[in-house]
C-alpha cells in the first residue's frame, strides 16, 4: 500500500509540476514543451483500488478501461459493497455498482478515465469523490450498443453535489 501511495503522490506531483511549468511559460510568453499523457510515458499512472462484487462483469470491464488508459488498478472483490460506500461517505443517490479509491478520492461507478485524470489535474476543494450514479448505457464498462446521456457528479462530505462533466450525444 505504501508503494501505491508513493506512486499516487509522484503522479500528482508530476501533474502539478507540468501545470506550473505550463503556467510559467504562458506568463513569460514562451512556448510550453508538450507533455505526453501518463499512459504513453511508460510510467505507471495513478494507482486505483476497485471494490466490486465477484460476479460483476461490467465492473471488470471498467477496470480494464482504466488499465488501458494508464491507471495502475488493484481489484478487491467483496460481497459487502455497502460497507465500503458508507465508510468512504458515498451518498445513497450517488451509488453505483462499484466503488474505487485513489488515495482519499472516491470514484463511484462508471466514471470515464479521462474525467478522473481531468479531476486529478485540477482537484476541487472539499470534494471527496466523483460519481456516475446508476449504470447508464454507454459509459465505460457499460457498452451495450445503446448510449444514454449521463453526468459525472462531484460530491462533498457535507452532501453538496455539482455536475463535473456532461456526456451527451456521444
C-alpha atoms as a PDB file:
ATOM      1  CA  UNK A   1       0.000   0.000   0.000  1.00  0.00           C
ATOM      2  CA  UNK A   2       2.890   2.349   0.769  1.00  0.00           C
ATOM      3  CA  UNK A   3       4.240   1.834  -2.771  1.00  0.00           C
ATOM      4  CA  UNK A   4       0.844   2.709  -4.243  1.00  0.00           C
ATOM      5  CA  UNK A   5       0.662   5.905  -2.181  1.00  0.00           C
ATOM      6  CA  UNK A   6       4.137   6.878  -3.317  1.00  0.00           C
ATOM      7  CA  UNK A   7       3.121   6.231  -6.943  1.00  0.00           C
ATOM      8  CA  UNK A   8      -0.008   8.354  -6.463  1.00  0.00           C
ATOM      9  CA  UNK A   9       1.921  11.205  -4.854  1.00  0.00           C
ATOM     10  CA  UNK A  10       4.565  11.020  -7.587  1.00  0.00           C
ATOM     11  CA  UNK A  11       1.874  11.152 -10.288  1.00  0.00           C
ATOM     12  CA  UNK A  12       0.112  14.099  -8.666  1.00  0.00           C
ATOM     13  CA  UNK A  13       3.431  15.903  -8.183  1.00  0.00           C
ATOM     14  CA  UNK A  14       4.293  15.382 -11.861  1.00  0.00           C
ATOM     15  CA  UNK A  15       0.920  16.793 -12.891  1.00  0.00           C
ATOM     16  CA  UNK A  16       1.328  19.813 -10.611  1.00  0.00           C
ATOM     17  CA  UNK A  17       4.855  20.462 -11.890  1.00  0.00           C
ATOM     18  CA  UNK A  18       3.744  20.192 -15.519  1.00  0.00           C
ATOM     19  CA  UNK A  19       0.853  22.580 -14.875  1.00  0.00           C
ATOM     20  CA  UNK A  20       3.185  25.015 -13.115  1.00  0.00           C
ATOM     21  CA  UNK A  21       5.719  24.898 -15.953  1.00  0.00           C
ATOM     22  CA  UNK A  22       2.974  25.495 -18.497  1.00  0.00           C
ATOM     23  CA  UNK A  23       1.591  28.423 -16.486  1.00  0.00           C
ATOM     24  CA  UNK A  24       5.075  29.930 -16.149  1.00  0.00           C
ATOM     25  CA  UNK A  25       5.713  29.510 -19.879  1.00  0.00           C
ATOM     26  CA  UNK A  26       2.409  31.197 -20.702  1.00  0.00           C
ATOM     27  CA  UNK A  27       3.159  34.090 -18.351  1.00  0.00           C
ATOM     28  CA  UNK A  28       6.632  34.605 -19.854  1.00  0.00           C
ATOM     29  CA  UNK A  29       5.310  34.287 -23.395  1.00  0.00           C
ATOM     30  CA  UNK A  30       7.487  31.283 -24.223  1.00  0.00           C
ATOM     31  CA  UNK A  31       6.035  28.138 -25.778  1.00  0.00           C
ATOM     32  CA  UNK A  32       5.473  25.344 -23.308  1.00  0.00           C
ATOM     33  CA  UNK A  33       7.012  21.975 -24.038  1.00  0.00           C
ATOM     34  CA  UNK A  34       4.328  19.425 -24.741  1.00  0.00           C
ATOM     35  CA  UNK A  35       3.783  16.780 -22.131  1.00  0.00           C
ATOM     36  CA  UNK A  36       2.812  13.259 -23.110  1.00  0.00           C
ATOM     37  CA  UNK A  37      -0.138  11.581 -21.414  1.00  0.00           C
ATOM     38  CA  UNK A  38       0.690   9.328 -18.475  1.00  0.00           C
ATOM     39  CA  UNK A  39      -0.261   6.204 -20.419  1.00  0.00           C
ATOM     40  CA  UNK A  40       2.297   6.791 -23.145  1.00  0.00           C
ATOM     41  CA  UNK A  41       5.277   7.735 -20.962  1.00  0.00           C
ATOM     42  CA  UNK A  42       5.855   4.183 -19.794  1.00  0.00           C
ATOM     43  CA  UNK A  43       5.369   5.312 -16.208  1.00  0.00           C
ATOM     44  CA  UNK A  44       2.624   3.886 -14.070  1.00  0.00           C
ATOM     45  CA  UNK A  45      -0.406   6.145 -13.848  1.00  0.00           C
ATOM     46  CA  UNK A  46      -2.460   6.809 -10.756  1.00  0.00           C
ATOM     47  CA  UNK A  47      -2.979   3.796  -8.516  1.00  0.00           C
ATOM     48  CA  UNK A  48      -6.646   2.955  -8.029  1.00  0.00           C
ATOM     49  CA  UNK A  49      -8.196   0.286  -5.817  1.00  0.00           C
ATOM     50  CA  UNK A  50     -11.540  -1.004  -7.093  1.00  0.00           C
ATOM     51  CA  UNK A  51     -14.028  -2.645  -4.732  1.00  0.00           C
ATOM     52  CA  UNK A  52     -16.500  -4.785  -6.681  1.00  0.00           C
ATOM     53  CA  UNK A  53     -18.753  -7.800  -6.466  1.00  0.00           C
ATOM     54  CA  UNK A  54     -17.042 -11.019  -7.569  1.00  0.00           C
ATOM     55  CA  UNK A  55     -19.850 -11.632 -10.082  1.00  0.00           C
ATOM     56  CA  UNK A  56     -19.999  -8.254 -11.823  1.00  0.00           C
ATOM     57  CA  UNK A  57     -18.641  -8.278 -15.380  1.00  0.00           C
ATOM     58  CA  UNK A  58     -19.322  -4.587 -16.054  1.00  0.00           C
ATOM     59  CA  UNK A  59     -17.086  -3.651 -13.111  1.00  0.00           C
ATOM     60  CA  UNK A  60     -14.333  -5.820 -14.584  1.00  0.00           C
ATOM     61  CA  UNK A  61     -14.798  -4.090 -17.953  1.00  0.00           C
ATOM     62  CA  UNK A  62     -14.484  -0.667 -16.256  1.00  0.00           C
ATOM     63  CA  UNK A  63     -11.249  -1.813 -14.576  1.00  0.00           C
ATOM     64  CA  UNK A  64      -9.928  -2.872 -17.998  1.00  0.00           C
ATOM     65  CA  UNK A  65     -10.875   0.590 -19.348  1.00  0.00           C
ATOM     66  CA  UNK A  66      -8.772   2.174 -16.593  1.00  0.00           C
ATOM     67  CA  UNK A  67      -5.865  -0.215 -17.295  1.00  0.00           C
ATOM     68  CA  UNK A  68      -5.990   0.704 -20.983  1.00  0.00           C
ATOM     69  CA  UNK A  69      -5.813   4.383 -20.006  1.00  0.00           C
ATOM     70  CA  UNK A  70      -2.700   4.110 -17.859  1.00  0.00           C
ATOM     71  CA  UNK A  71      -4.101   3.540 -14.365  1.00  0.00           C
ATOM     72  CA  UNK A  72      -2.476   1.040 -12.031  1.00  0.00           C
ATOM     73  CA  UNK A  73      -5.518  -0.981 -10.942  1.00  0.00           C
ATOM     74  CA  UNK A  74      -5.959  -3.247  -7.987  1.00  0.00           C
ATOM     75  CA  UNK A  75      -9.232  -5.132  -7.552  1.00  0.00           C
ATOM     76  CA  UNK A  76     -10.727  -6.157  -4.217  1.00  0.00           C
ATOM     77  CA  UNK A  77     -13.715  -8.458  -4.549  1.00  0.00           C
ATOM     78  CA  UNK A  78     -16.265  -8.142  -1.774  1.00  0.00           C
ATOM     79  CA  UNK A  79     -19.822  -9.142  -1.011  1.00  0.00           C
ATOM     80  CA  UNK A  80     -20.277  -6.073   1.211  1.00  0.00           C
ATOM     81  CA  UNK A  81     -20.021  -3.035  -1.071  1.00  0.00           C
ATOM     82  CA  UNK A  82     -22.475  -1.058   1.062  1.00  0.00           C
ATOM     83  CA  UNK A  83     -19.984  -1.052   3.927  1.00  0.00           C
ATOM     84  CA  UNK A  84     -17.255   0.261   1.595  1.00  0.00           C
ATOM     85  CA  UNK A  85     -19.610   3.007   0.342  1.00  0.00           C
ATOM     86  CA  UNK A  86     -20.607   4.006   3.884  1.00  0.00           C
ATOM     87  CA  UNK A  87     -17.010   4.007   5.130  1.00  0.00           C
ATOM     88  CA  UNK A  88     -15.987   6.411   2.359  1.00  0.00           C
ATOM     89  CA  UNK A  89     -19.005   8.732   2.518  1.00  0.00           C
ATOM     90  CA  UNK A  90     -20.770   7.837  -0.735  1.00  0.00           C
ATOM     91  CA  UNK A  91     -24.274   9.366  -0.593  1.00  0.00           C
ATOM     92  CA  UNK A  92     -27.057   6.916  -1.443  1.00  0.00           C
ATOM     93  CA  UNK A  93     -28.099   8.912  -4.525  1.00  0.00           C
ATOM     94  CA  UNK A  94     -24.523   8.725  -5.882  1.00  0.00           C
ATOM     95  CA  UNK A  95     -24.280   4.935  -5.563  1.00  0.00           C
ATOM     96  CA  UNK A  96     -23.444   2.592  -8.401  1.00  0.00           C
ATOM     97  CA  UNK A  97     -22.188  -0.963  -8.766  1.00  0.00           C
ATOM     98  CA  UNK A  98     -18.584  -0.470  -7.607  1.00  0.00           C
ATOM     99  CA  UNK A  99     -16.507   1.923  -5.508  1.00  0.00           C
ATOM    100  CA  UNK A 100     -12.883   2.806  -6.166  1.00  0.00           C
ATOM    101  CA  UNK A 101     -10.264   4.831  -4.323  1.00  0.00           C
ATOM    102  CA  UNK A 102      -7.324   6.919  -5.491  1.00  0.00           C
ATOM    103  CA  UNK A 103      -5.826   7.865  -2.161  1.00  0.00           C
ATOM    104  CA  UNK A 104      -8.739   9.536  -0.366  1.00  0.00           C
ATOM    105  CA  UNK A 105     -10.626  10.354  -3.591  1.00  0.00           C
ATOM    106  CA  UNK A 106     -13.705   8.169  -4.103  1.00  0.00           C
ATOM    107  CA  UNK A 107     -14.682   7.136  -7.632  1.00  0.00           C
ATOM    108  CA  UNK A 108     -18.195   5.715  -7.686  1.00  0.00           C
ATOM    109  CA  UNK A 109     -19.466   3.860 -10.724  1.00  0.00           C
ATOM    110  CA  UNK A 110     -18.513   4.047 -14.383  1.00  0.00           C
ATOM    111  CA  UNK A 111     -16.589   7.349 -14.398  1.00  0.00           C
ATOM    112  CA  UNK A 112     -14.523   7.663 -17.617  1.00  0.00           C
ATOM    113  CA  UNK A 113     -10.734   7.583 -17.183  1.00  0.00           C
ATOM    114  CA  UNK A 114     -10.273  10.955 -18.891  1.00  0.00           C
ATOM    115  CA  UNK A 115     -12.695  12.576 -16.420  1.00  0.00           C
ATOM    116  CA  UNK A 116     -10.732  11.124 -13.494  1.00  0.00           C
ATOM    117  CA  UNK A 117      -7.465  12.444 -14.969  1.00  0.00           C
ATOM    118  CA  UNK A 118      -9.047  15.876 -15.545  1.00  0.00           C
ATOM    119  CA  UNK A 119     -10.165  15.973 -11.916  1.00  0.00           C
ATOM    120  CA  UNK A 120      -6.734  14.885 -10.636  1.00  0.00           C
ATOM    121  CA  UNK A 121      -5.150  17.686 -12.669  1.00  0.00           C
ATOM    122  CA  UNK A 122      -7.459  20.254 -11.065  1.00  0.00           C
ATOM    123  CA  UNK A 123      -8.945  18.906  -7.808  1.00  0.00           C
ATOM    124  CA  UNK A 124     -11.762  20.837  -6.193  1.00  0.00           C
ATOM    125  CA  UNK A 125     -11.684  21.930  -2.568  1.00  0.00           C
ATOM    126  CA  UNK A 126     -13.900  19.898  -0.230  1.00  0.00           C
ATOM    127  CA  UNK A 127     -14.804  17.307  -2.893  1.00  0.00           C
ATOM    128  CA  UNK A 128     -14.416  13.718  -1.769  1.00  0.00           C
ATOM    129  CA  UNK A 129     -15.470  11.962  -4.921  1.00  0.00           C
ATOM    130  CA  UNK A 130     -16.774  11.640  -8.447  1.00  0.00           C
ATOM    131  CA  UNK A 131     -19.760   9.533  -9.398  1.00  0.00           C
ATOM    132  CA  UNK A 132     -21.761   8.329 -12.344  1.00  0.00           C
ATOM    133  CA  UNK A 133     -24.875   7.302 -10.407  1.00  0.00           C
ATOM    134  CA  UNK A 134     -26.648   4.161 -11.527  1.00  0.00           C
ATOM    135  CA  UNK A 135     -25.351   2.311 -14.537  1.00  0.00           C
ATOM    136  CA  UNK A 136     -26.018   4.370 -17.701  1.00  0.00           C
ATOM    137  CA  UNK A 137     -25.604   2.593 -21.025  1.00  0.00           C
ATOM    138  CA  UNK A 138     -22.582   3.787 -22.995  1.00  0.00           C
ATOM    139  CA  UNK A 139     -20.372   4.532 -20.002  1.00  0.00           C
ATOM    140  CA  UNK A 140     -17.023   2.700 -19.839  1.00  0.00           C
ATOM    141  CA  UNK A 141     -17.820  -0.893 -18.927  1.00  0.00           C
ATOM    142  CA  UNK A 142     -21.468  -0.493 -19.952  1.00  0.00           C
ATOM    143  CA  UNK A 143     -21.001  -0.610 -23.715  1.00  0.00           C
ATOM    144  CA  UNK A 144     -24.252  -2.270 -24.708  1.00  0.00           C
ATOM    145  CA  UNK A 145     -24.791  -0.617 -28.084  1.00  0.00           C
ATOM    146  CA  UNK A 146     -27.108   1.964 -26.550  1.00  0.00           C
ATOM    147  CA  UNK A 147     -25.694   5.312 -25.402  1.00  0.00           C
ATOM    148  CA  UNK A 148     -27.542   7.279 -22.746  1.00  0.00           C
ATOM    149  CA  UNK A 149     -26.675  10.866 -21.858  1.00  0.00           C
ATOM    150  CA  UNK A 150     -25.101  10.979 -18.399  1.00  0.00           C
ATOM    151  CA  UNK A 151     -23.348  13.242 -15.926  1.00  0.00           C
ATOM    152  CA  UNK A 152     -20.249  12.834 -13.801  1.00  0.00           C
ATOM    153  CA  UNK A 153     -21.079  14.345 -10.418  1.00  0.00           C
ATOM    154  CA  UNK A 154     -18.551  15.750  -7.933  1.00  0.00           C
ATOM    155  CA  UNK A 155     -19.743  15.291  -4.350  1.00  0.00           C
ATOM    156  CA  UNK A 156     -18.550  16.525  -0.977  1.00  0.00           C
ATOM    157  CA  UNK A 157     -18.663  15.200   2.568  1.00  0.00           C
ATOM    158  CA  UNK A 158     -21.350  17.740   3.506  1.00  0.00           C
ATOM    159  CA  UNK A 159     -23.726  16.426   0.826  1.00  0.00           C
ATOM    160  CA  UNK A 160     -23.161  19.098  -1.817  1.00  0.00           C
ATOM    161  CA  UNK A 161     -23.137  17.920  -5.412  1.00  0.00           C
ATOM    162  CA  UNK A 162     -22.358  19.551  -8.715  1.00  0.00           C
ATOM    163  CA  UNK A 163     -22.011  18.412 -12.303  1.00  0.00           C
ATOM    164  CA  UNK A 164     -18.326  17.927 -13.103  1.00  0.00           C
ATOM    165  CA  UNK A 165     -18.802  16.783 -16.711  1.00  0.00           C
ATOM    166  CA  UNK A 166     -21.730  16.009 -19.006  1.00  0.00           C
ATOM    167  CA  UNK A 167     -21.695  13.394 -21.733  1.00  0.00           C
ATOM    168  CA  UNK A 168     -24.366  13.988 -24.381  1.00  0.00           C
ATOM    169  CA  UNK A 169     -24.727  12.961 -27.998  1.00  0.00           C
ATOM    170  CA  UNK A 170     -21.518  10.966 -27.943  1.00  0.00           C
END
